[in-house]
C-alpha atoms as a PDB file:
ATOM      1  CA  UNK A   1      95.198  78.995  86.302  1.00  0.00           C
ATOM      2  CA  UNK A   2      94.589  82.096  84.164  1.00  0.00           C
ATOM      3  CA  UNK A   3      95.432  82.469  80.495  1.00  0.00           C
ATOM      4  CA  UNK A   4      96.587  86.056  80.231  1.00  0.00           C
ATOM      5  CA  UNK A   5      99.239  85.505  77.552  1.00  0.00           C
ATOM      6  CA  UNK A   6      97.221  87.387  74.902  1.00  0.00           C
ATOM      7  CA  UNK A   7      96.470  90.252  77.288  1.00  0.00           C
ATOM      8  CA  UNK A   8      97.932  93.627  76.232  1.00  0.00           C
ATOM      9  CA  UNK A   9     100.347  94.010  79.156  1.00  0.00           C
ATOM     10  CA  UNK A  10     102.468  96.537  77.240  1.00  0.00           C
ATOM     11  CA  UNK A  11      99.530  98.981  77.053  1.00  0.00           C
ATOM     12  CA  UNK A  12      99.591  99.441  80.825  1.00  0.00           C
ATOM     13  CA  UNK A  13     101.905 101.456  83.066  1.00  0.00           C
ATOM     14  CA  UNK A  14     104.314  99.101  84.869  1.00  0.00           C
ATOM     15  CA  UNK A  15     102.721  99.661  88.292  1.00  0.00           C
ATOM     16  CA  UNK A  16      99.263  98.680  86.959  1.00  0.00           C
ATOM     17  CA  UNK A  17     100.654  95.608  85.203  1.00  0.00           C
ATOM     18  CA  UNK A  18     102.505  94.541  88.365  1.00  0.00           C
ATOM     19  CA  UNK A  19      99.379  95.047  90.481  1.00  0.00           C
ATOM     20  CA  UNK A  20      97.236  93.038  88.058  1.00  0.00           C
ATOM     21  CA  UNK A  21      99.698  90.138  87.879  1.00  0.00           C
ATOM     22  CA  UNK A  22      99.324  89.688  91.639  1.00  0.00           C
ATOM     23  CA  UNK A  23      95.592  90.445  91.735  1.00  0.00           C
ATOM     24  CA  UNK A  24      94.573  87.831  89.152  1.00  0.00           C
ATOM     25  CA  UNK A  25      96.184  85.042  91.191  1.00  0.00           C
ATOM     26  CA  UNK A  26      94.668  86.425  94.413  1.00  0.00           C
ATOM     27  CA  UNK A  27      98.089  87.256  95.877  1.00  0.00           C
ATOM     28  CA  UNK A  28      96.772  90.347  97.603  1.00  0.00           C
ATOM     29  CA  UNK A  29      99.742  90.694  99.965  1.00  0.00           C
ATOM     30  CA  UNK A  30     101.906  91.326  96.893  1.00  0.00           C
ATOM     31  CA  UNK A  31      99.234  93.361  95.089  1.00  0.00           C
ATOM     32  CA  UNK A  32      99.027  95.775  98.032  1.00  0.00           C
ATOM     33  CA  UNK A  33     102.722  96.627  97.664  1.00  0.00           C
ATOM     34  CA  UNK A  34     101.790  98.452  94.429  1.00  0.00           C
ATOM     35  CA  UNK A  35      99.237 100.671  96.199  1.00  0.00           C
ATOM     36  CA  UNK A  36     100.070 103.667  98.386  1.00  0.00           C
ATOM     37  CA  UNK A  37      99.002 103.762 102.044  1.00  0.00           C
ATOM     38  CA  UNK A  38      96.342 106.383 101.237  1.00  0.00           C
ATOM     39  CA  UNK A  39      94.822 104.653  98.189  1.00  0.00           C
ATOM     40  CA  UNK A  40      91.076 104.883  97.629  1.00  0.00           C
ATOM     41  CA  UNK A  41      89.477 101.665  96.374  1.00  0.00           C
ATOM     42  CA  UNK A  42      85.835 101.476  95.379  1.00  0.00           C
ATOM     43  CA  UNK A  43      84.774  97.842  95.142  1.00  0.00           C
ATOM     44  CA  UNK A  44      81.192  97.315  93.966  1.00  0.00           C
ATOM     45  CA  UNK A  45      80.142 100.619  95.547  1.00  0.00           C
ATOM     46  CA  UNK A  46      81.960 100.072  98.855  1.00  0.00           C
ATOM     47  CA  UNK A  47      84.622 102.714  99.522  1.00  0.00           C
ATOM     48  CA  UNK A  48      87.790 101.335 101.086  1.00  0.00           C
ATOM     49  CA  UNK A  49      90.190 103.957 102.433  1.00  0.00           C
ATOM     50  CA  UNK A  50      93.801 102.891 102.554  1.00  0.00           C
ATOM     51  CA  UNK A  51      95.902  99.877 101.772  1.00  0.00           C
ATOM     52  CA  UNK A  52      95.117  98.116 105.072  1.00  0.00           C
ATOM     53  CA  UNK A  53      91.346  98.266 104.643  1.00  0.00           C
ATOM     54  CA  UNK A  54      91.654  97.156 101.027  1.00  0.00           C
ATOM     55  CA  UNK A  55      93.850  94.189 101.920  1.00  0.00           C
ATOM     56  CA  UNK A  56      91.449  93.089 104.652  1.00  0.00           C
ATOM     57  CA  UNK A  57      88.453  93.000 102.270  1.00  0.00           C
ATOM     58  CA  UNK A  58      90.319  91.467  99.309  1.00  0.00           C
ATOM     59  CA  UNK A  59      92.113  88.862 101.444  1.00  0.00           C
ATOM     60  CA  UNK A  60      88.829  87.779 103.074  1.00  0.00           C
ATOM     61  CA  UNK A  61      87.272  87.430  99.632  1.00  0.00           C
ATOM     62  CA  UNK A  62      90.193  85.216  98.553  1.00  0.00           C
ATOM     63  CA  UNK A  63      89.649  83.037 101.623  1.00  0.00           C
ATOM     64  CA  UNK A  64      85.907  82.784 100.975  1.00  0.00           C
ATOM     65  CA  UNK A  65      85.930  82.194  97.208  1.00  0.00           C
ATOM     66  CA  UNK A  66      87.963  80.495  94.519  1.00  0.00           C
ATOM     67  CA  UNK A  67      88.042  82.886  91.573  1.00  0.00           C
ATOM     68  CA  UNK A  68      89.532  82.649  88.093  1.00  0.00           C
ATOM     69  CA  UNK A  69      90.132  86.021  86.467  1.00  0.00           C
ATOM     70  CA  UNK A  70      90.478  86.496  82.727  1.00  0.00           C
ATOM     71  CA  UNK A  71      91.827  89.862  81.638  1.00  0.00           C
ATOM     72  CA  UNK A  72      90.211  91.397  78.573  1.00  0.00           C
ATOM     73  CA  UNK A  73      90.607  94.724  76.851  1.00  0.00           C
ATOM     74  CA  UNK A  74      92.551  97.776  77.953  1.00  0.00           C
ATOM     75  CA  UNK A  75      91.404 101.325  77.314  1.00  0.00           C
ATOM     76  CA  UNK A  76      92.587 104.742  78.392  1.00  0.00           C
ATOM     77  CA  UNK A  77      89.591 107.042  78.949  1.00  0.00           C
ATOM     78  CA  UNK A  78      91.791 109.892  80.275  1.00  0.00           C
ATOM     79  CA  UNK A  79      95.471 110.815  80.458  1.00  0.00           C
ATOM     80  CA  UNK A  80      96.093 109.186  83.839  1.00  0.00           C
ATOM     81  CA  UNK A  81      93.282 106.607  83.768  1.00  0.00           C
ATOM     82  CA  UNK A  82      93.452 103.031  82.504  1.00  0.00           C
ATOM     83  CA  UNK A  83      90.474 100.702  82.336  1.00  0.00           C
ATOM     84  CA  UNK A  84      90.789  96.921  82.217  1.00  0.00           C
ATOM     85  CA  UNK A  85      87.829  94.694  81.366  1.00  0.00           C
ATOM     86  CA  UNK A  86      87.861  91.434  83.341  1.00  0.00           C
ATOM     87  CA  UNK A  87      85.780  88.276  83.551  1.00  0.00           C
ATOM     88  CA  UNK A  88      85.540  86.433  86.853  1.00  0.00           C
ATOM     89  CA  UNK A  89      84.251  82.930  87.383  1.00  0.00           C
ATOM     90  CA  UNK A  90      84.209  80.917  90.572  1.00  0.00           C
ATOM     91  CA  UNK A  91      82.229  79.738  93.568  1.00  0.00           C
ATOM     92  CA  UNK A  92      80.949  83.188  94.555  1.00  0.00           C
ATOM     93  CA  UNK A  93      77.221  84.089  94.358  1.00  0.00           C
ATOM     94  CA  UNK A  94      76.231  84.146  90.690  1.00  0.00           C
ATOM     95  CA  UNK A  95      79.330  82.235  89.602  1.00  0.00           C
ATOM     96  CA  UNK A  96      80.342  84.637  86.806  1.00  0.00           C
ATOM     97  CA  UNK A  97      80.624  88.384  86.357  1.00  0.00           C
ATOM     98  CA  UNK A  98      82.216  90.893  84.006  1.00  0.00           C
ATOM     99  CA  UNK A  99      83.967  93.734  85.802  1.00  0.00           C
ATOM    100  CA  UNK A 100      85.796  96.912  84.930  1.00  0.00           C
ATOM    101  CA  UNK A 101      88.890  97.853  86.898  1.00  0.00           C
ATOM    102  CA  UNK A 102      89.592 101.561  86.550  1.00  0.00           C
ATOM    103  CA  UNK A 103      93.032 102.714  87.692  1.00  0.00           C
ATOM    104  CA  UNK A 104      93.716 106.413  88.295  1.00  0.00           C
ATOM    105  CA  UNK A 105      97.397 107.286  88.577  1.00  0.00           C
ATOM    106  CA  UNK A 106      98.990 110.367  90.089  1.00  0.00           C
ATOM    107  CA  UNK A 107     102.741 110.690  89.499  1.00  0.00           C
ATOM    108  CA  UNK A 108     102.896 107.032  88.395  1.00  0.00           C
ATOM    109  CA  UNK A 109     101.220 105.844  91.615  1.00  0.00           C
ATOM    110  CA  UNK A 110      97.797 104.148  91.726  1.00  0.00           C
ATOM    111  CA  UNK A 111      95.811 106.657  93.795  1.00  0.00           C
ATOM    112  CA  UNK A 112      92.392 105.206  93.018  1.00  0.00           C
ATOM    113  CA  UNK A 113      91.083 101.842  91.902  1.00  0.00           C
ATOM    114  CA  UNK A 114      87.422 101.454  91.070  1.00  0.00           C
ATOM    115  CA  UNK A 115      85.973  98.000  90.445  1.00  0.00           C
ATOM    116  CA  UNK A 116      82.483  98.058  88.908  1.00  0.00           C
ATOM    117  CA  UNK A 117      80.134  95.809  86.967  1.00  0.00           C
END
């Protein structure tokens, strides 16, 4: 489905890598296990408070759209922040989009995930 073999997995903290492995195949039930109950997720400007709210939105999206995610570059704009460039294609409005996933960790836990264009 997704060719992520060349992706720089070793540049990411384990929890981010584990989350992404589930996210790119739209296995959001597994992906949510890598987020704390009180996580803050900002998805295209919409603030989702908590793991339950995040799962509800992401799972509905997976039901509505078939999406292929290609992981691109990894950067680290701050000590506890990792940014992953992604390319999505599928049957959603527009059909293709480049996104940034910005992970903020506190004590090796993903406390915030921001997904922006």
